[in-house]
Amino acid sequence: MKKADFVQAVAEKTGLSKKDSLKAVDSTLEVITEALVNGDSISFIGFGTFSTADRAARQARVPGTKKVIDVPASKAVKFKVGKKLKEVVAASVKKTKKK
């Protein structure tokens, strides 16, 4: 699903115009991004939690050449799936396999 498809689905579910739905989706993503940049986590009960993790600097080998390179420290985004979302997706997989 692309962003345009997602905005269309939100518009249909909420009864908002596509323009208003786009504003809502963009604003939501912006707020999530700002919170993660500030080191906060965002938790949607039943859906999941967005957070960040610090990755330490390390050395790594390049496959094939065996050359050792330095990988700088970084910050990565993590998502932990919520129980309800996990159950719903697992149930949909079971339904698909039964067909």
C-alpha atoms as a PDB file:
ATOM      1  CA  MET A   1       0.000   0.000   0.000  1.00  0.00           C
ATOM      2  CA  LYS A   2       1.353   3.378  -0.975  1.00  0.00           C
ATOM      3  CA  LYS A   3       0.762   6.619   0.900  1.00  0.00           C
ATOM      4  CA  ALA A   4      -1.969   7.721  -1.551  1.00  0.00           C
ATOM      5  CA  ASP A   5      -3.799   4.423  -0.993  1.00  0.00           C
ATOM      6  CA  PHE A   6      -3.443   4.832   2.764  1.00  0.00           C
ATOM      7  CA  VAL A   7      -4.814   8.399   2.645  1.00  0.00           C
ATOM      8  CA  GLN A   8      -7.744   7.180   0.523  1.00  0.00           C
ATOM      9  CA  ALA A   9      -8.500   4.416   3.056  1.00  0.00           C
ATOM     10  CA  VAL A  10      -8.364   6.906   5.950  1.00  0.00           C
ATOM     11  CA  ALA A  11     -10.699   9.242   4.057  1.00  0.00           C
ATOM     12  CA  GLU A  12     -13.187   6.419   3.496  1.00  0.00           C
ATOM     13  CA  LYS A  13     -13.069   5.234   7.133  1.00  0.00           C
ATOM     14  CA  THR A  14     -13.371   8.694   8.670  1.00  0.00           C
ATOM     15  CA  GLY A  15     -15.622  10.438   6.174  1.00  0.00           C
ATOM     16  CA  LEU A  16     -13.041  13.211   5.841  1.00  0.00           C
ATOM     17  CA  SER A  17     -11.989  14.604   2.491  1.00  0.00           C
ATOM     18  CA  LYS A  18      -8.804  13.261   0.952  1.00  0.00           C
ATOM     19  CA  LYS A  19      -7.215  16.683   1.541  1.00  0.00           C
ATOM     20  CA  ASP A  20      -8.067  16.615   5.264  1.00  0.00           C
ATOM     21  CA  SER A  21      -7.001  12.979   5.537  1.00  0.00           C
ATOM     22  CA  LEU A  22      -3.655  13.825   3.945  1.00  0.00           C
ATOM     23  CA  LYS A  23      -3.167  16.627   6.491  1.00  0.00           C
ATOM     24  CA  ALA A  24      -4.015  14.249   9.338  1.00  0.00           C
ATOM     25  CA  VAL A  25      -1.678  11.508   8.086  1.00  0.00           C
ATOM     26  CA  ASP A  26       1.180  13.965   7.446  1.00  0.00           C
ATOM     27  CA  SER A  27       0.695  15.579  10.857  1.00  0.00           C
ATOM     28  CA  THR A  28       0.641  12.205  12.595  1.00  0.00           C
ATOM     29  CA  LEU A  29       3.859  11.111  10.911  1.00  0.00           C
ATOM     30  CA  GLU A  30       5.468  14.459  11.733  1.00  0.00           C
ATOM     31  CA  VAL A  31       4.561  14.174  15.432  1.00  0.00           C
ATOM     32  CA  ILE A  32       5.904  10.600  15.580  1.00  0.00           C
ATOM     33  CA  THR A  33       9.124  11.693  13.868  1.00  0.00           C
ATOM     34  CA  GLU A  34       9.625  14.658  16.218  1.00  0.00           C
ATOM     35  CA  ALA A  35       9.053  12.485  19.279  1.00  0.00           C
ATOM     36  CA  LEU A  36      11.600   9.908  18.095  1.00  0.00           C
ATOM     37  CA  VAL A  37      14.162  12.626  17.294  1.00  0.00           C
ATOM     38  CA  ASN A  38      13.706  13.896  20.869  1.00  0.00           C
ATOM     39  CA  GLY A  39      14.335  10.393  22.237  1.00  0.00           C
ATOM     40  CA  ASP A  40      10.737   9.747  23.286  1.00  0.00           C
ATOM     41  CA  SER A  41       8.811   6.576  22.521  1.00  0.00           C
ATOM     42  CA  ILE A  42       5.252   6.451  21.204  1.00  0.00           C
ATOM     43  CA  SER A  43       2.960   3.704  22.385  1.00  0.00           C
ATOM     44  CA  PHE A  44      -0.357   2.770  20.800  1.00  0.00           C
ATOM     45  CA  ILE A  45      -1.939   0.209  23.142  1.00  0.00           C
ATOM     46  CA  GLY A  46      -2.689  -2.974  21.210  1.00  0.00           C
ATOM     47  CA  PHE A  47      -0.911  -1.745  18.065  1.00  0.00           C
ATOM     48  CA  GLY A  48       2.717  -1.281  19.081  1.00  0.00           C
ATOM     49  CA  THR A  49       5.465   0.994  20.293  1.00  0.00           C
ATOM     50  CA  PHE A  50       7.881   3.135  18.299  1.00  0.00           C
ATOM     51  CA  SER A  51      11.191   3.864  20.016  1.00  0.00           C
ATOM     52  CA  THR A  52      14.855   4.482  19.268  1.00  0.00           C
ATOM     53  CA  ALA A  53      17.965   2.457  20.038  1.00  0.00           C
ATOM     54  CA  ASP A  54      21.550   3.633  20.144  1.00  0.00           C
ATOM     55  CA  ARG A  55      23.930   1.535  18.058  1.00  0.00           C
ATOM     56  CA  ALA A  56      27.527   1.548  19.257  1.00  0.00           C
ATOM     57  CA  ALA A  57      30.432   2.178  16.908  1.00  0.00           C
ATOM     58  CA  ARG A  58      31.988  -1.061  15.677  1.00  0.00           C
ATOM     59  CA  GLN A  59      34.209  -2.648  13.096  1.00  0.00           C
ATOM     60  CA  ALA A  60      32.781  -4.838  10.354  1.00  0.00           C
ATOM     61  CA  ARG A  61      34.180  -6.958   7.553  1.00  0.00           C
ATOM     62  CA  VAL A  62      33.112  -6.375   3.957  1.00  0.00           C
ATOM     63  CA  PRO A  63      31.912  -9.716   2.544  1.00  0.00           C
ATOM     64  CA  GLY A  64      34.089 -10.956  -0.298  1.00  0.00           C
ATOM     65  CA  THR A  65      37.021  -8.636   0.310  1.00  0.00           C
ATOM     66  CA  LYS A  66      37.487  -9.250   4.055  1.00  0.00           C
ATOM     67  CA  LYS A  67      38.372  -5.555   4.362  1.00  0.00           C
ATOM     68  CA  VAL A  68      37.701  -4.168   7.858  1.00  0.00           C
ATOM     69  CA  ILE A  69      35.750  -0.918   7.999  1.00  0.00           C
ATOM     70  CA  ASP A  70      34.707   1.332  10.872  1.00  0.00           C
ATOM     71  CA  VAL A  71      30.947   1.672  11.306  1.00  0.00           C
ATOM     72  CA  PRO A  72      30.124   4.859  13.243  1.00  0.00           C
ATOM     73  CA  ALA A  73      27.692   4.995  16.156  1.00  0.00           C
ATOM     74  CA  SER A  74      24.110   5.650  15.089  1.00  0.00           C
ATOM     75  CA  LYS A  75      20.541   5.820  16.287  1.00  0.00           C
ATOM     76  CA  ALA A  76      17.951   3.427  14.851  1.00  0.00           C
ATOM     77  CA  VAL A  77      14.156   3.353  14.977  1.00  0.00           C
ATOM     78  CA  LYS A  78      12.559   0.282  16.540  1.00  0.00           C
ATOM     79  CA  PHE A  79       8.969  -0.944  16.449  1.00  0.00           C
ATOM     80  CA  LYS A  80       7.639  -3.498  18.896  1.00  0.00           C
ATOM     81  CA  VAL A  81       4.373  -5.069  17.758  1.00  0.00           C
ATOM     82  CA  GLY A  82       1.461  -4.923  20.197  1.00  0.00           C
ATOM     83  CA  LYS A  83      -0.366  -8.036  21.330  1.00  0.00           C
ATOM     84  CA  LYS A  84      -3.683  -7.265  19.600  1.00  0.00           C
ATOM     85  CA  LEU A  85      -2.048  -6.458  16.235  1.00  0.00           C
ATOM     86  CA  LYS A  86       0.052  -9.608  16.448  1.00  0.00           C
ATOM     87  CA  GLU A  87      -3.043 -11.710  17.152  1.00  0.00           C
ATOM     88  CA  VAL A  88      -5.096 -10.159  14.329  1.00  0.00           C
ATOM     89  CA  VAL A  89      -2.322 -10.672  11.767  1.00  0.00           C
ATOM     90  CA  ALA A  90      -1.694 -14.233  12.956  1.00  0.00           C
ATOM     91  CA  ALA A  91      -5.422 -15.014  12.690  1.00  0.00           C
ATOM     92  CA  SER A  92      -5.549 -13.649   9.133  1.00  0.00           C
ATOM     93  CA  VAL A  93      -2.641 -15.897   8.151  1.00  0.00           C
ATOM     94  CA  LYS A  94      -4.456 -18.927   9.553  1.00  0.00           C
ATOM     95  CA  LYS A  95      -7.594 -18.032   7.551  1.00  0.00           C
ATOM     96  CA  THR A  96      -5.532 -17.685   4.360  1.00  0.00           C
ATOM     97  CA  LYS A  97      -3.909 -21.107   4.837  1.00  0.00           C
ATOM     98  CA  LYS A  98      -7.304 -22.823   5.341  1.00  0.00           C
ATOM     99  CA  LYS A  99      -8.577 -21.749   1.909  1.00  0.00           C
END
